[in-house]
Amino acid sequence: MELLGGTLAGLAGMAIFVGSFWVVCKANHDHRIPWLRRPARFPRRVYAYRVVAVVLLLLAVRAWAEVLGTWSVLVIVLPLIPIAVLNGQHNRRVALASSP
């Protein structure tokens, strides 16, 4: 039962983290989003979303630590995969819209 709760917490944390990036994309619909720095517009509510997401991901790590050991820390890295894809798509869309 603990693994089910950890899995649900991980999925919820991942969804909230990706949703927070979606908010940043919508705020910067005409600006590129840098990979490592803050974008031109960064809504303050994103901080709250990301805190909740990280707490849920840490709960998932704790639940999966018994089964996976130290490899359970990779649960925190999983939301970065869809965010990297979304960031690339957003930047490509902005570049195409700004080109003549």
N, C-alpha and C. Protein backbone atom coordinates (compact mmCIF):
# COMPACT_ATOMS: atom_id res chain seq x y z
N MET A 1 0.82 -1.20 0.00
CA MET A 1 0.00 0.00 0.00
C MET A 1 0.86 1.26 0.00
N GLU A 2 2.02 1.18 0.63
CA GLU A 2 2.90 2.33 0.68
C GLU A 2 3.42 2.67 -0.72
N LEU A 3 3.66 1.66 -1.55
CA LEU A 3 4.14 1.93 -2.91
C LEU A 3 3.06 2.59 -3.75
N LEU A 4 1.82 2.22 -3.54
CA LEU A 4 0.73 2.85 -4.28
C LEU A 4 0.65 4.33 -3.93
N GLY A 5 0.73 4.65 -2.65
CA GLY A 5 0.72 6.05 -2.22
C GLY A 5 1.92 6.81 -2.76
N GLY A 6 3.08 6.18 -2.75
CA GLY A 6 4.27 6.81 -3.30
C GLY A 6 4.16 7.05 -4.79
N THR A 7 3.59 6.09 -5.49
CA THR A 7 3.41 6.24 -6.93
C THR A 7 2.43 7.36 -7.23
N LEU A 8 1.33 7.40 -6.49
CA LEU A 8 0.35 8.47 -6.71
C LEU A 8 0.94 9.84 -6.36
N ALA A 9 1.72 9.91 -5.29
CA ALA A 9 2.37 11.18 -4.93
C ALA A 9 3.37 11.59 -6.01
N GLY A 10 4.10 10.63 -6.55
CA GLY A 10 5.05 10.94 -7.62
C GLY A 10 4.37 11.42 -8.88
N LEU A 11 3.27 10.77 -9.25
CA LEU A 11 2.54 11.20 -10.45
C LEU A 11 1.92 12.58 -10.25
N ALA A 12 1.37 12.82 -9.07
CA ALA A 12 0.78 14.13 -8.79
C ALA A 12 1.86 15.21 -8.78
N GLY A 13 3.01 14.92 -8.16
CA GLY A 13 4.11 15.88 -8.15
C GLY A 13 4.62 16.17 -9.55
N MET A 14 4.70 15.14 -10.36
CA MET A 14 5.16 15.31 -11.74
C MET A 14 4.16 16.18 -12.53
N ALA A 15 2.87 15.90 -12.34
CA ALA A 15 1.85 16.67 -13.06
C ALA A 15 1.86 18.14 -12.62
N ILE A 16 2.01 18.39 -11.33
CA ILE A 16 2.05 19.77 -10.85
C ILE A 16 3.30 20.48 -11.34
N PHE A 17 4.42 19.79 -11.38
CA PHE A 17 5.67 20.39 -11.86
C PHE A 17 5.55 20.76 -13.33
N VAL A 18 5.00 19.85 -14.14
CA VAL A 18 4.81 20.14 -15.56
C VAL A 18 3.78 21.25 -15.73
N GLY A 19 2.74 21.25 -14.90
CA GLY A 19 1.75 22.32 -14.95
C GLY A 19 2.34 23.68 -14.62
N SER A 20 3.28 23.71 -13.68
CA SER A 20 3.93 24.98 -13.35
C SER A 20 4.75 25.49 -14.54
N PHE A 21 5.35 24.57 -15.27
CA PHE A 21 6.09 24.99 -16.46
C PHE A 21 5.13 25.50 -17.53
N TRP A 22 3.95 24.90 -17.60
CA TRP A 22 2.94 25.33 -18.56
C TRP A 22 2.53 26.78 -18.27
N VAL A 23 2.42 27.13 -16.98
CA VAL A 23 2.09 28.51 -16.59
C VAL A 23 3.19 29.46 -17.04
N VAL A 24 4.44 29.05 -16.91
CA VAL A 24 5.57 29.88 -17.35
C VAL A 24 5.52 30.04 -18.87
N CYS A 25 5.18 28.98 -19.59
CA CYS A 25 5.08 29.06 -21.06
C CYS A 25 3.99 30.04 -21.47
N LYS A 26 2.85 29.98 -20.81
CA LYS A 26 1.75 30.87 -21.15
C LYS A 26 2.10 32.33 -20.84
N ALA A 27 2.86 32.57 -19.79
CA ALA A 27 3.26 33.94 -19.45
C ALA A 27 4.30 34.47 -20.44
N ASN A 28 5.04 33.59 -21.09
CA ASN A 28 6.10 33.97 -22.04
C ASN A 28 5.76 33.51 -23.45
N HIS A 29 4.53 33.71 -23.87
CA HIS A 29 4.11 33.19 -25.17
C HIS A 29 4.87 33.79 -26.34
N ASP A 30 5.49 34.97 -26.15
CA ASP A 30 6.25 35.57 -27.24
C ASP A 30 7.74 35.72 -26.93
N HIS A 31 8.21 35.09 -25.86
CA HIS A 31 9.62 35.11 -25.48
C HIS A 31 10.15 33.69 -25.35
N ARG A 32 11.42 33.54 -25.68
CA ARG A 32 12.07 32.24 -25.47
C ARG A 32 12.28 32.01 -23.98
N ILE A 33 12.26 30.76 -23.57
CA ILE A 33 12.51 30.40 -22.18
C ILE A 33 13.91 29.82 -22.12
N PRO A 34 14.83 30.48 -21.38
CA PRO A 34 16.19 29.95 -21.30
C PRO A 34 16.23 28.63 -20.53
N TRP A 35 17.23 27.83 -20.82
CA TRP A 35 17.33 26.51 -20.19
C TRP A 35 17.75 26.60 -18.73
N LEU A 36 18.61 27.54 -18.37
CA LEU A 36 19.14 27.58 -17.01
C LEU A 36 18.80 28.83 -16.22
N ARG A 37 18.34 29.88 -16.86
CA ARG A 37 18.03 31.12 -16.15
C ARG A 37 16.53 31.32 -16.08
N ARG A 38 16.12 32.37 -15.38
CA ARG A 38 14.70 32.70 -15.31
C ARG A 38 14.27 33.37 -16.60
N PRO A 39 13.06 33.10 -17.04
CA PRO A 39 12.56 33.74 -18.26
C PRO A 39 12.20 35.21 -18.02
N ALA A 40 11.80 35.89 -19.08
CA ALA A 40 11.47 37.32 -18.99
C ALA A 40 10.30 37.54 -18.02
N ARG A 41 9.29 36.71 -18.09
CA ARG A 41 8.15 36.81 -17.18
C ARG A 41 8.06 35.52 -16.38
N PHE A 42 7.99 35.67 -15.07
CA PHE A 42 7.94 34.50 -14.19
C PHE A 42 6.89 34.75 -13.11
N PRO A 43 5.67 34.22 -13.29
CA PRO A 43 4.60 34.45 -12.31
C PRO A 43 4.99 33.93 -10.92
N ARG A 44 4.63 34.68 -9.90
CA ARG A 44 5.02 34.32 -8.53
C ARG A 44 4.35 33.03 -8.06
N ARG A 45 3.16 32.72 -8.58
CA ARG A 45 2.46 31.51 -8.12
C ARG A 45 3.19 30.23 -8.50
N VAL A 46 4.10 30.33 -9.46
CA VAL A 46 4.88 29.16 -9.88
C VAL A 46 5.73 28.63 -8.72
N TYR A 47 6.21 29.53 -7.87
CA TYR A 47 6.99 29.09 -6.71
C TYR A 47 6.16 28.17 -5.82
N ALA A 48 4.92 28.53 -5.57
CA ALA A 48 4.05 27.70 -4.72
C ALA A 48 3.78 26.35 -5.38
N TYR A 49 3.52 26.37 -6.68
CA TYR A 49 3.29 25.10 -7.40
C TYR A 49 4.51 24.18 -7.28
N ARG A 50 5.68 24.75 -7.46
CA ARG A 50 6.89 23.93 -7.44
C ARG A 50 7.23 23.42 -6.05
N VAL A 51 6.91 24.19 -5.01
CA VAL A 51 7.13 23.70 -3.64
C VAL A 51 6.24 22.48 -3.37
N VAL A 52 4.97 22.57 -3.76
CA VAL A 52 4.05 21.44 -3.58
C VAL A 52 4.54 20.24 -4.39
N ALA A 53 4.99 20.48 -5.62
CA ALA A 53 5.46 19.39 -6.46
C ALA A 53 6.69 18.71 -5.85
N VAL A 54 7.63 19.48 -5.35
CA VAL A 54 8.84 18.90 -4.77
C VAL A 54 8.51 18.11 -3.50
N VAL A 55 7.59 18.61 -2.69
CA VAL A 55 7.19 17.86 -1.49
C VAL A 55 6.58 16.52 -1.88
N LEU A 56 5.71 16.53 -2.88
CA LEU A 56 5.12 15.27 -3.33
C LEU A 56 6.17 14.32 -3.90
N LEU A 57 7.12 14.86 -4.64
CA LEU A 57 8.18 14.02 -5.19
C LEU A 57 9.07 13.45 -4.09
N LEU A 58 9.32 14.22 -3.05
CA LEU A 58 10.11 13.70 -1.93
C LEU A 58 9.36 12.60 -1.18
N LEU A 59 8.04 12.74 -1.07
CA LEU A 59 7.24 11.66 -0.47
C LEU A 59 7.33 10.39 -1.32
N ALA A 60 7.33 10.56 -2.64
CA ALA A 60 7.46 9.40 -3.53
C ALA A 60 8.83 8.75 -3.37
N VAL A 61 9.87 9.55 -3.23
CA VAL A 61 11.21 9.01 -3.04
C VAL A 61 11.26 8.20 -1.75
N ARG A 62 10.66 8.75 -0.71
CA ARG A 62 10.67 8.04 0.58
C ARG A 62 9.93 6.72 0.49
N ALA A 63 8.81 6.71 -0.23
CA ALA A 63 8.03 5.48 -0.37
C ALA A 63 8.78 4.43 -1.19
N TRP A 64 9.45 4.86 -2.23
CA TRP A 64 10.14 3.93 -3.11
C TRP A 64 11.54 3.57 -2.63
N ALA A 65 12.04 4.26 -1.61
CA ALA A 65 13.40 4.00 -1.12
C ALA A 65 13.54 2.59 -0.58
N GLU A 66 12.49 2.05 -0.01
CA GLU A 66 12.57 0.70 0.54
C GLU A 66 12.76 -0.35 -0.56
N VAL A 67 12.19 -0.10 -1.72
CA VAL A 67 12.29 -1.06 -2.82
C VAL A 67 13.53 -0.81 -3.68
N LEU A 68 13.75 0.45 -4.04
CA LEU A 68 14.82 0.79 -4.98
C LEU A 68 16.11 1.24 -4.32
N GLY A 69 16.06 1.53 -3.05
CA GLY A 69 17.25 2.03 -2.37
C GLY A 69 17.57 3.44 -2.82
N THR A 70 18.85 3.72 -3.02
CA THR A 70 19.25 5.08 -3.41
C THR A 70 18.82 5.44 -4.83
N TRP A 71 18.45 4.46 -5.63
CA TRP A 71 17.98 4.74 -6.98
C TRP A 71 16.64 5.46 -6.98
N SER A 72 15.96 5.45 -5.86
CA SER A 72 14.66 6.12 -5.79
C SER A 72 14.80 7.63 -5.96
N VAL A 73 15.98 8.17 -5.78
CA VAL A 73 16.20 9.61 -5.97
C VAL A 73 15.95 10.01 -7.42
N LEU A 74 16.04 9.08 -8.34
CA LEU A 74 15.78 9.38 -9.75
C LEU A 74 14.33 9.78 -9.99
N VAL A 75 13.45 9.52 -9.03
CA VAL A 75 12.06 9.94 -9.15
C VAL A 75 11.98 11.46 -9.28
N ILE A 76 12.90 12.17 -8.66
CA ILE A 76 12.91 13.63 -8.73
C ILE A 76 13.30 14.10 -10.12
N VAL A 77 14.07 13.32 -10.84
CA VAL A 77 14.55 13.71 -12.16
C VAL A 77 13.49 13.48 -13.24
N LEU A 78 12.53 12.61 -13.00
CA LEU A 78 11.54 12.27 -14.02
C LEU A 78 10.76 13.47 -14.57
N PRO A 79 10.35 14.45 -13.77
CA PRO A 79 9.63 15.59 -14.37
C PRO A 79 10.48 16.43 -15.31
N LEU A 80 11.78 16.31 -15.25
CA LEU A 80 12.63 17.11 -16.12
C LEU A 80 12.55 16.66 -17.58
N ILE A 81 12.17 15.42 -17.81
CA ILE A 81 12.09 14.92 -19.19
C ILE A 81 10.97 15.62 -19.97
N PRO A 82 9.71 15.61 -19.49
CA PRO A 82 8.69 16.33 -20.26
C PRO A 82 8.91 17.84 -20.28
N ILE A 83 9.53 18.40 -19.24
CA ILE A 83 9.79 19.84 -19.23
C ILE A 83 10.82 20.19 -20.30
N ALA A 84 11.82 19.35 -20.50
CA ALA A 84 12.80 19.60 -21.55
C ALA A 84 12.15 19.56 -22.92
N VAL A 85 11.24 18.62 -23.12
CA VAL A 85 10.52 18.52 -24.40
C VAL A 85 9.64 19.75 -24.61
N LEU A 86 8.89 20.14 -23.58
CA LEU A 86 8.02 21.31 -23.69
C LEU A 86 8.82 22.59 -23.92
N ASN A 87 9.95 22.71 -23.26
CA ASN A 87 10.79 23.89 -23.44
C ASN A 87 11.31 23.97 -24.87
N GLY A 88 11.76 22.86 -25.40
CA GLY A 88 12.23 22.84 -26.79
C GLY A 88 11.13 23.20 -27.77
N GLN A 89 9.94 22.65 -27.57
CA GLN A 89 8.81 22.97 -28.45
C GLN A 89 8.43 24.44 -28.36
N HIS A 90 8.40 24.97 -27.14
CA HIS A 90 8.04 26.38 -26.96
C HIS A 90 9.05 27.29 -27.65
N ASN A 91 10.34 27.05 -27.42
CA ASN A 91 11.37 27.88 -28.03
C ASN A 91 11.36 27.79 -29.55
N ARG A 92 11.08 26.60 -30.07
CA ARG A 92 11.00 26.42 -31.53
C ARG A 92 9.80 27.20 -32.08
N ARG A 93 8.67 27.14 -31.39
CA ARG A 93 7.47 27.85 -31.82
C ARG A 93 7.69 29.37 -31.82
N VAL A 94 8.38 29.87 -30.78
CA VAL A 94 8.68 31.31 -30.70
C VAL A 94 9.63 31.71 -31.82
N ALA A 95 10.63 30.88 -32.09
CA ALA A 95 11.60 31.19 -33.15
C ALA A 95 10.91 31.21 -34.52
N LEU A 96 9.99 30.29 -34.75
CA LEU A 96 9.29 30.26 -36.04
C LEU A 96 8.35 31.45 -36.17
N ALA A 97 7.73 31.86 -35.09
CA ALA A 97 6.81 33.00 -35.14
C ALA A 97 7.54 34.32 -35.36
N SER A 98 8.77 34.41 -34.85
CA SER A 98 9.51 35.67 -34.98
C SER A 98 10.32 35.75 -36.28
N SER A 99 10.48 34.65 -36.99
CA SER A 99 11.24 34.68 -38.24
C SER A 99 10.35 35.26 -39.35
N PRO A 100 10.96 35.97 -40.31
CA PRO A 100 10.17 36.61 -41.37
C PRO A 100 9.58 35.67 -42.35
